Amino acid sequence: MDQIARTPKDIGTVLRNARKAQGLTQGELAARAGVWQRTVSNIETSSSGAKLETVFDLLAALDLELRVAPRSKMRPGDLEDIF
């Protein structure tokens, strides 16, 4: 499950997709990560800023890791290939 995330909204989408793929509710993920369900909801919808530590707690609870790579040089038409 490699996904590109360049914005907080993208991170929220990645977390939501991973949570749903694992069959977890927001409450279940929140309990695993030690945060409130509302925090998970806010991050998934990017309606508020999140602490980086909280994002890492959620990634760990989903058994995911963050990898940093050089930004790919995409042309406008290439974006359609990702989705």
PDB file of N, CA and C in Angstrom:
ATOM      1  N   MET A   1       0.835  -1.176   0.000  1.00  0.00           N
ATOM      2  CA  MET A   1       0.000   0.000   0.000  1.00  0.00           C
ATOM      3  C   MET A   1       0.884   1.245   0.000  1.00  0.00           C
ATOM      4  N   ASP A   2       1.506   1.571  -1.088  1.00  0.00           N
ATOM      5  CA  ASP A   2       2.298   2.785  -1.201  1.00  0.00           C
ATOM      6  C   ASP A   2       1.400   3.892  -1.729  1.00  0.00           C
ATOM      7  N   GLN A   3       1.342   4.977  -0.997  1.00  0.00           N
ATOM      8  CA  GLN A   3       0.547   6.120  -1.410  1.00  0.00           C
ATOM      9  C   GLN A   3       1.372   7.380  -1.245  1.00  0.00           C
ATOM     10  N   ILE A   4       1.156   8.340  -2.118  1.00  0.00           N
ATOM     11  CA  ILE A   4       1.852   9.607  -2.038  1.00  0.00           C
ATOM     12  C   ILE A   4       1.020  10.556  -1.184  1.00  0.00           C
ATOM     13  N   ALA A   5       1.680  11.197  -0.230  1.00  0.00           N
ATOM     14  CA  ALA A   5       1.016  12.194   0.607  1.00  0.00           C
ATOM     15  C   ALA A   5       1.872  13.447   0.618  1.00  0.00           C
ATOM     16  N   ARG A   6       1.297  14.527   0.149  1.00  0.00           N
ATOM     17  CA  ARG A   6       2.026  15.795   0.088  1.00  0.00           C
ATOM     18  C   ARG A   6       1.375  16.882   0.926  1.00  0.00           C
ATOM     19  N   THR A   7       0.200  16.611   1.446  1.00  0.00           N
ATOM     20  CA  THR A   7      -0.524  17.601   2.237  1.00  0.00           C
ATOM     21  C   THR A   7      -1.125  16.922   3.473  1.00  0.00           C
ATOM     22  N   PRO A   8      -1.527  17.704   4.467  1.00  0.00           N
ATOM     23  CA  PRO A   8      -2.221  17.107   5.617  1.00  0.00           C
ATOM     24  C   PRO A   8      -3.480  16.351   5.206  1.00  0.00           C
ATOM     25  N   LYS A   9      -4.179  16.853   4.214  1.00  0.00           N
ATOM     26  CA  LYS A   9      -5.379  16.157   3.714  1.00  0.00           C
ATOM     27  C   LYS A   9      -4.999  14.779   3.159  1.00  0.00           C
ATOM     28  N   ASP A  10      -3.881  14.720   2.433  1.00  0.00           N
ATOM     29  CA  ASP A  10      -3.413  13.435   1.892  1.00  0.00           C
ATOM     30  C   ASP A  10      -3.100  12.444   3.012  1.00  0.00           C
ATOM     31  N   ILE A  11      -2.456  12.923   4.085  1.00  0.00           N
ATOM     32  CA  ILE A  11      -2.141  12.049   5.227  1.00  0.00           C
ATOM     33  C   ILE A  11      -3.430  11.517   5.832  1.00  0.00           C
ATOM     34  N   GLY A  12      -4.416  12.393   5.973  1.00  0.00           N
ATOM     35  CA  GLY A  12      -5.709  11.969   6.502  1.00  0.00           C
ATOM     36  C   GLY A  12      -6.355  10.896   5.652  1.00  0.00           C
ATOM     37  N   THR A  13      -6.268  11.055   4.344  1.00  0.00           N
ATOM     38  CA  THR A  13      -6.835  10.070   3.423  1.00  0.00           C
ATOM     39  C   THR A  13      -6.101   8.738   3.533  1.00  0.00           C
ATOM     40  N   VAL A  14      -4.784   8.784   3.623  1.00  0.00           N
ATOM     41  CA  VAL A  14      -3.987   7.565   3.776  1.00  0.00           C
ATOM     42  C   VAL A  14      -4.389   6.828   5.054  1.00  0.00           C
ATOM     43  N   LEU A  15      -4.504   7.578   6.152  1.00  0.00           N
ATOM     44  CA  LEU A  15      -4.883   6.959   7.424  1.00  0.00           C
ATOM     45  C   LEU A  15      -6.288   6.366   7.353  1.00  0.00           C
ATOM     46  N   ARG A  16      -7.227   7.101   6.762  1.00  0.00           N
ATOM     47  CA  ARG A  16      -8.598   6.596   6.632  1.00  0.00           C
ATOM     48  C   ARG A  16      -8.632   5.316   5.796  1.00  0.00           C
ATOM     49  N   ASN A  17      -7.946   5.317   4.660  1.00  0.00           N
ATOM     50  CA  ASN A  17      -7.934   4.135   3.802  1.00  0.00           C
ATOM     51  C   ASN A  17      -7.337   2.927   4.516  1.00  0.00           C
ATOM     52  N   ALA A  18      -6.256   3.150   5.247  1.00  0.00           N
ATOM     53  CA  ALA A  18      -5.604   2.053   5.974  1.00  0.00           C
ATOM     54  C   ALA A  18      -6.506   1.540   7.091  1.00  0.00           C
ATOM     55  N   ARG A  19      -7.156   2.450   7.804  1.00  0.00           N
ATOM     56  CA  ARG A  19      -8.067   2.051   8.887  1.00  0.00           C
ATOM     57  C   ARG A  19      -9.204   1.202   8.341  1.00  0.00           C
ATOM     58  N   LYS A  20      -9.810   1.664   7.262  1.00  0.00           N
ATOM     59  CA  LYS A  20     -10.931   0.917   6.664  1.00  0.00           C
ATOM     60  C   LYS A  20     -10.473  -0.427   6.101  1.00  0.00           C
ATOM     61  N   ALA A  21      -9.279  -0.459   5.506  1.00  0.00           N
ATOM     62  CA  ALA A  21      -8.751  -1.713   4.959  1.00  0.00           C
ATOM     63  C   ALA A  21      -8.554  -2.753   6.053  1.00  0.00           C
ATOM     64  N   GLN A  22      -8.266  -2.279   7.267  1.00  0.00           N
ATOM     65  CA  GLN A  22      -8.073  -3.186   8.401  1.00  0.00           C
ATOM     66  C   GLN A  22      -9.380  -3.447   9.152  1.00  0.00           C
ATOM     67  N   GLY A  23     -10.474  -2.877   8.664  1.00  0.00           N
ATOM     68  CA  GLY A  23     -11.778  -3.104   9.267  1.00  0.00           C
ATOM     69  C   GLY A  23     -11.953  -2.471  10.639  1.00  0.00           C
ATOM     70  N   LEU A  24     -11.271  -1.360  10.858  1.00  0.00           N
ATOM     71  CA  LEU A  24     -11.339  -0.694  12.156  1.00  0.00           C
ATOM     72  C   LEU A  24     -12.264   0.518  12.098  1.00  0.00           C
ATOM     73  N   THR A  25     -12.944   0.779  13.199  1.00  0.00           N
ATOM     74  CA  THR A  25     -13.683   2.026  13.338  1.00  0.00           C
ATOM     75  C   THR A  25     -12.718   3.097  13.815  1.00  0.00           C
ATOM     76  N   GLN A  26     -13.151   4.337  13.753  1.00  0.00           N
ATOM     77  CA  GLN A  26     -12.317   5.413  14.276  1.00  0.00           C
ATOM     78  C   GLN A  26     -12.081   5.216  15.767  1.00  0.00           C
ATOM     79  N   GLY A  27     -13.091   4.766  16.477  1.00  0.00           N
ATOM     80  CA  GLY A  27     -12.954   4.531  17.914  1.00  0.00           C
ATOM     81  C   GLY A  27     -11.940   3.447  18.230  1.00  0.00           C
ATOM     82  N   GLU A  28     -11.949   2.377  17.440  1.00  0.00           N
ATOM     83  CA  GLU A  28     -10.997   1.287  17.660  1.00  0.00           C
ATOM     84  C   GLU A  28      -9.567   1.744  17.390  1.00  0.00           C
ATOM     85  N   LEU A  29      -9.386   2.512  16.312  1.00  0.00           N
ATOM     86  CA  LEU A  29      -8.052   3.036  16.009  1.00  0.00           C
ATOM     87  C   LEU A  29      -7.607   3.996  17.105  1.00  0.00           C
ATOM     88  N   ALA A  30      -8.513   4.838  17.556  1.00  0.00           N
ATOM     89  CA  ALA A  30      -8.193   5.784  18.623  1.00  0.00           C
ATOM     90  C   ALA A  30      -7.733   5.049  19.880  1.00  0.00           C
ATOM     91  N   ALA A  31      -8.424   3.978  20.238  1.00  0.00           N
ATOM     92  CA  ALA A  31      -8.053   3.207  21.428  1.00  0.00           C
ATOM     93  C   ALA A  31      -6.660   2.595  21.264  1.00  0.00           C
ATOM     94  N   ARG A  32      -6.364   2.077  20.084  1.00  0.00           N
ATOM     95  CA  ARG A  32      -5.039   1.501  19.828  1.00  0.00           C
ATOM     96  C   ARG A  32      -3.930   2.542  19.943  1.00  0.00           C
ATOM     97  N   ALA A  33      -4.229   3.761  19.475  1.00  0.00           N
ATOM     98  CA  ALA A  33      -3.213   4.812  19.434  1.00  0.00           C
ATOM     99  C   ALA A  33      -3.180   5.647  20.713  1.00  0.00           C
ATOM    100  N   GLY A  34      -4.170   5.472  21.568  1.00  0.00           N
ATOM    101  CA  GLY A  34      -4.206   6.243  22.809  1.00  0.00           C
ATOM    102  C   GLY A  34      -4.632   7.684  22.624  1.00  0.00           C
ATOM    103  N   VAL A  35      -5.530   7.905  21.656  1.00  0.00           N
ATOM    104  CA  VAL A  35      -6.053   9.250  21.403  1.00  0.00           C
ATOM    105  C   VAL A  35      -7.578   9.195  21.409  1.00  0.00           C
ATOM    106  N   TRP A  36      -8.196  10.341  21.346  1.00  0.00           N
ATOM    107  CA  TRP A  36      -9.660  10.400  21.283  1.00  0.00           C
ATOM    108  C   TRP A  36     -10.139  10.076  19.869  1.00  0.00           C
ATOM    109  N   GLN A  37     -11.347   9.534  19.776  1.00  0.00           N
ATOM    110  CA  GLN A  37     -11.957   9.251  18.471  1.00  0.00           C
ATOM    111  C   GLN A  37     -12.080  10.533  17.664  1.00  0.00           C
ATOM    112  N   ARG A  38     -12.402  11.627  18.327  1.00  0.00           N
ATOM    113  CA  ARG A  38     -12.552  12.917  17.657  1.00  0.00           C
ATOM    114  C   ARG A  38     -11.223  13.342  17.005  1.00  0.00           C
ATOM    115  N   THR A  39     -10.115  12.997  17.634  1.00  0.00           N
ATOM    116  CA  THR A  39      -8.805  13.311  17.065  1.00  0.00           C
ATOM    117  C   THR A  39      -8.609  12.577  15.749  1.00  0.00           C
ATOM    118  N   VAL A  40      -8.977  11.294  15.731  1.00  0.00           N
ATOM    119  CA  VAL A  40      -8.873  10.508  14.490  1.00  0.00           C
ATOM    120  C   VAL A  40      -9.744  11.142  13.408  1.00  0.00           C
ATOM    121  N   SER A  41     -10.967  11.485  13.765  1.00  0.00           N
ATOM    122  CA  SER A  41     -11.877  12.110  12.809  1.00  0.00           C
ATOM    123  C   SER A  41     -11.305  13.415  12.266  1.00  0.00           C
ATOM    124  N   ASN A  42     -10.766  14.249  13.149  1.00  0.00           N
ATOM    125  CA  ASN A  42     -10.198  15.530  12.708  1.00  0.00           C
ATOM    126  C   ASN A  42      -9.022  15.334  11.762  1.00  0.00           C
ATOM    127  N   ILE A  43      -8.181  14.375  12.057  1.00  0.00           N
ATOM    128  CA  ILE A  43      -7.023  14.135  11.191  1.00  0.00           C
ATOM    129  C   ILE A  43      -7.466  13.565   9.844  1.00  0.00           C
ATOM    130  N   GLU A  44      -8.409  12.643   9.867  1.00  0.00           N
ATOM    131  CA  GLU A  44      -8.883  12.049   8.609  1.00  0.00           C
ATOM    132  C   GLU A  44      -9.556  13.076   7.703  1.00  0.00           C
ATOM    133  N   THR A  45     -10.186  14.063   8.294  1.00  0.00           N
ATOM    134  CA  THR A  45     -10.856  15.090   7.488  1.00  0.00           C
ATOM    135  C   THR A  45     -10.038  16.367   7.383  1.00  0.00           C
ATOM    136  N   SER A  46      -8.866  16.352   7.996  1.00  0.00           N
ATOM    137  CA  SER A  46      -7.930  17.484   8.048  1.00  0.00           C
ATOM    138  C   SER A  46      -8.633  18.783   8.435  1.00  0.00           C
ATOM    139  N   SER A  47      -9.582  18.672   9.394  1.00  0.00           N
ATOM    140  CA  SER A  47     -10.294  19.872   9.817  1.00  0.00           C
ATOM    141  C   SER A  47      -9.548  20.633  10.901  1.00  0.00           C
ATOM    142  N   SER A  48      -8.468  20.061  11.403  1.00  0.00           N
ATOM    143  CA  SER A  48      -7.650  20.791  12.371  1.00  0.00           C
ATOM    144  C   SER A  48      -6.217  20.284  12.283  1.00  0.00           C
ATOM    145  N   GLY A  49      -5.307  21.111  12.749  1.00  0.00           N
ATOM    146  CA  GLY A  49      -3.896  20.719  12.767  1.00  0.00           C
ATOM    147  C   GLY A  49      -3.677  19.588  13.750  1.00  0.00           C
ATOM    148  N   ALA A  50      -2.772  18.717  13.424  1.00  0.00           N
ATOM    149  CA  ALA A  50      -2.469  17.578  14.301  1.00  0.00           C
ATOM    150  C   ALA A  50      -0.998  17.609  14.667  1.00  0.00           C
ATOM    151  N   LYS A  51      -0.711  17.184  15.869  1.00  0.00           N
ATOM    152  CA  LYS A  51       0.685  17.046  16.270  1.00  0.00           C
ATOM    153  C   LYS A  51       1.311  15.916  15.474  1.00  0.00           C
ATOM    154  N   LEU A  52       2.549  16.105  15.096  1.00  0.00           N
ATOM    155  CA  LEU A  52       3.270  15.076  14.364  1.00  0.00           C
ATOM    156  C   LEU A  52       3.338  13.794  15.185  1.00  0.00           C
ATOM    157  N   GLU A  53       3.507  13.929  16.484  1.00  0.00           N
ATOM    158  CA  GLU A  53       3.552  12.763  17.371  1.00  0.00           C
ATOM    159  C   GLU A  53       2.253  11.949  17.280  1.00  0.00           C
ATOM    160  N   THR A  54       1.120  12.631  17.180  1.00  0.00           N
ATOM    161  CA  THR A  54      -0.172  11.941  17.071  1.00  0.00           C
ATOM    162  C   THR A  54      -0.265  11.182  15.756  1.00  0.00           C
ATOM    163  N   VAL A  55       0.209  11.790  14.677  1.00  0.00           N
ATOM    164  CA  VAL A  55       0.207  11.109  13.377  1.00  0.00           C
ATOM    165  C   VAL A  55       1.053   9.842  13.455  1.00  0.00           C
ATOM    166  N   PHE A  56       2.215   9.926  14.096  1.00  0.00           N
ATOM    167  CA  PHE A  56       3.069   8.750  14.238  1.00  0.00           C
ATOM    168  C   PHE A  56       2.416   7.690  15.128  1.00  0.00           C
ATOM    169  N   ASP A  57       1.685   8.104  16.147  1.00  0.00           N
ATOM    170  CA  ASP A  57       0.954   7.147  16.990  1.00  0.00           C
ATOM    171  C   ASP A  57      -0.090   6.397  16.164  1.00  0.00           C
ATOM    172  N   LEU A  58      -0.787   7.112  15.296  1.00  0.00           N
ATOM    173  CA  LEU A  58      -1.796   6.473  14.445  1.00  0.00           C
ATOM    174  C   LEU A  58      -1.142   5.542  13.420  1.00  0.00           C
ATOM    175  N   LEU A  59      -0.038   5.989  12.829  1.00  0.00           N
ATOM    176  CA  LEU A  59       0.679   5.127  11.882  1.00  0.00           C
ATOM    177  C   LEU A  59       1.126   3.837  12.568  1.00  0.00           C
ATOM    178  N   ALA A  60       1.663   3.950  13.764  1.00  0.00           N
ATOM    179  CA  ALA A  60       2.116   2.766  14.497  1.00  0.00           C
ATOM    180  C   ALA A  60       0.940   1.855  14.819  1.00  0.00           C
ATOM    181  N   ALA A  61      -0.190   2.427  15.206  1.00  0.00           N
ATOM    182  CA  ALA A  61      -1.373   1.628  15.531  1.00  0.00           C
ATOM    183  C   ALA A  61      -1.891   0.873  14.312  1.00  0.00           C
ATOM    184  N   LEU A  62      -1.624   1.397  13.131  1.00  0.00           N
ATOM    185  CA  LEU A  62      -2.026   0.745  11.882  1.00  0.00           C
ATOM    186  C   LEU A  62      -0.902  -0.107  11.295  1.00  0.00           C
ATOM    187  N   ASP A  63       0.197  -0.217  12.020  1.00  0.00           N
ATOM    188  CA  ASP A  63       1.374  -0.972  11.581  1.00  0.00           C
ATOM    189  C   ASP A  63       1.912  -0.422  10.256  1.00  0.00           C
ATOM    190  N   LEU A  64       1.991   0.905  10.180  1.00  0.00           N
ATOM    191  CA  LEU A  64       2.521   1.595   9.007  1.00  0.00           C
ATOM    192  C   LEU A  64       3.736   2.410   9.415  1.00  0.00           C
ATOM    193  N   GLU A  65       4.521   2.799   8.430  1.00  0.00           N
ATOM    194  CA  GLU A  65       5.665   3.660   8.675  1.00  0.00           C
ATOM    195  C   GLU A  65       5.684   4.768   7.639  1.00  0.00           C
ATOM    196  N   LEU A  66       6.360   5.828   7.965  1.00  0.00           N
ATOM    197  CA  LEU A  66       6.508   6.959   7.065  1.00  0.00           C
ATOM    198  C   LEU A  66       7.861   6.862   6.379  1.00  0.00           C
ATOM    199  N   ARG A  67       7.880   7.023   5.077  1.00  0.00           N
ATOM    200  CA  ARG A  67       9.129   7.043   4.318  1.00  0.00           C
ATOM    201  C   ARG A  67       9.217   8.375   3.597  1.00  0.00           C
ATOM    202  N   VAL A  68      10.376   8.962   3.634  1.00  0.00           N
ATOM    203  CA  VAL A  68      10.585  10.245   2.980  1.00  0.00           C
ATOM    204  C   VAL A  68      11.414   9.994   1.727  1.00  0.00           C
ATOM    205  N   ALA A  69      10.953  10.547   0.609  1.00  0.00           N
ATOM    206  CA  ALA A  69      11.635  10.361  -0.670  1.00  0.00           C
ATOM    207  C   ALA A  69      11.608  11.684  -1.429  1.00  0.00           C
ATOM    208  N   PRO A  70      12.522  11.833  -2.371  1.00  0.00           N
ATOM    209  CA  PRO A  70      12.475  13.040  -3.192  1.00  0.00           C
ATOM    210  C   PRO A  70      11.127  13.142  -3.904  1.00  0.00           C
ATOM    211  N   ARG A  71      10.653  14.348  -4.022  1.00  0.00           N
ATOM    212  CA  ARG A  71       9.370  14.576  -4.699  1.00  0.00           C
ATOM    213  C   ARG A  71       9.505  14.179  -6.165  1.00  0.00           C
ATOM    214  N   SER A  72       8.537  13.420  -6.615  1.00  0.00           N
ATOM    215  CA  SER A  72       8.564  13.004  -8.019  1.00  0.00           C
ATOM    216  C   SER A  72       8.206  14.191  -8.900  1.00  0.00           C
ATOM    217  N   LYS A  73       8.744  14.177 -10.078  1.00  0.00           N
ATOM    218  CA  LYS A  73       8.471  15.240 -11.045  1.00  0.00           C
ATOM    219  C   LYS A  73       7.357  14.749 -11.967  1.00  0.00           C
ATOM    220  N   MET A  74       6.147  15.088 -11.610  1.00  0.00           N
ATOM    221  CA  MET A  74       4.997  14.614 -12.386  1.00  0.00           C
ATOM    222  C   MET A  74       4.508  15.710 -13.321  1.00  0.00           C
ATOM    223  N   ARG A  75       3.978  15.260 -14.427  1.00  0.00           N
ATOM    224  CA  ARG A  75       3.310  16.180 -15.343  1.00  0.00           C
ATOM    225  C   ARG A  75       1.827  16.193 -14.953  1.00  0.00           C
ATOM    226  N   PRO A  76       1.091  17.230 -15.298  1.00  0.00           N
ATOM    227  CA  PRO A  76      -0.315  17.309 -14.912  1.00  0.00           C
ATOM    228  C   PRO A  76      -1.130  16.073 -15.300  1.00  0.00           C
ATOM    229  N   GLY A  77      -0.877  15.475 -16.424  1.00  0.00           N
ATOM    230  CA  GLY A  77      -1.616  14.295 -16.864  1.00  0.00           C
ATOM    231  C   GLY A  77      -1.281  13.039 -16.075  1.00  0.00           C
ATOM    232  N   ASP A  78      -0.110  13.014 -15.432  1.00  0.00           N
ATOM    233  CA  ASP A  78       0.309  11.848 -14.667  1.00  0.00           C
ATOM    234  C   ASP A  78      -0.526  11.646 -13.420  1.00  0.00           C
ATOM    235  N   LEU A  79      -1.093  12.700 -12.892  1.00  0.00           N
ATOM    236  CA  LEU A  79      -1.872  12.612 -11.653  1.00  0.00           C
ATOM    237  C   LEU A  79      -3.041  11.638 -11.815  1.00  0.00           C
ATOM    238  N   GLU A  80      -3.632  11.609 -12.995  1.00  0.00           N
ATOM    239  CA  GLU A  80      -4.754  10.710 -13.248  1.00  0.00           C
ATOM    240  C   GLU A  80      -4.337   9.252 -13.100  1.00  0.00           C
ATOM    241  N   ASP A  81      -3.085   8.929 -13.412  1.00  0.00           N
ATOM    242  CA  ASP A  81      -2.607   7.548 -13.308  1.00  0.00           C
ATOM    243  C   ASP A  81      -2.531   7.071 -11.872  1.00  0.00           C
ATOM    244  N   ILE A  82      -2.353   7.988 -10.927  1.00  0.00           N
ATOM    245  CA  ILE A  82      -2.251   7.611  -9.512  1.00  0.00           C
ATOM    246  C   ILE A  82      -3.607   7.186  -8.980  1.00  0.00           C
ATOM    247  N   PHE A  83      -4.640   7.904  -9.389  1.00  0.00           N
ATOM    248  CA  PHE A  83      -5.975   7.645  -8.869  1.00  0.00           C
ATOM    249  C   PHE A  83      -6.750   6.923  -9.909  1.00  0.00           C
TER     250      PHE A  83
END
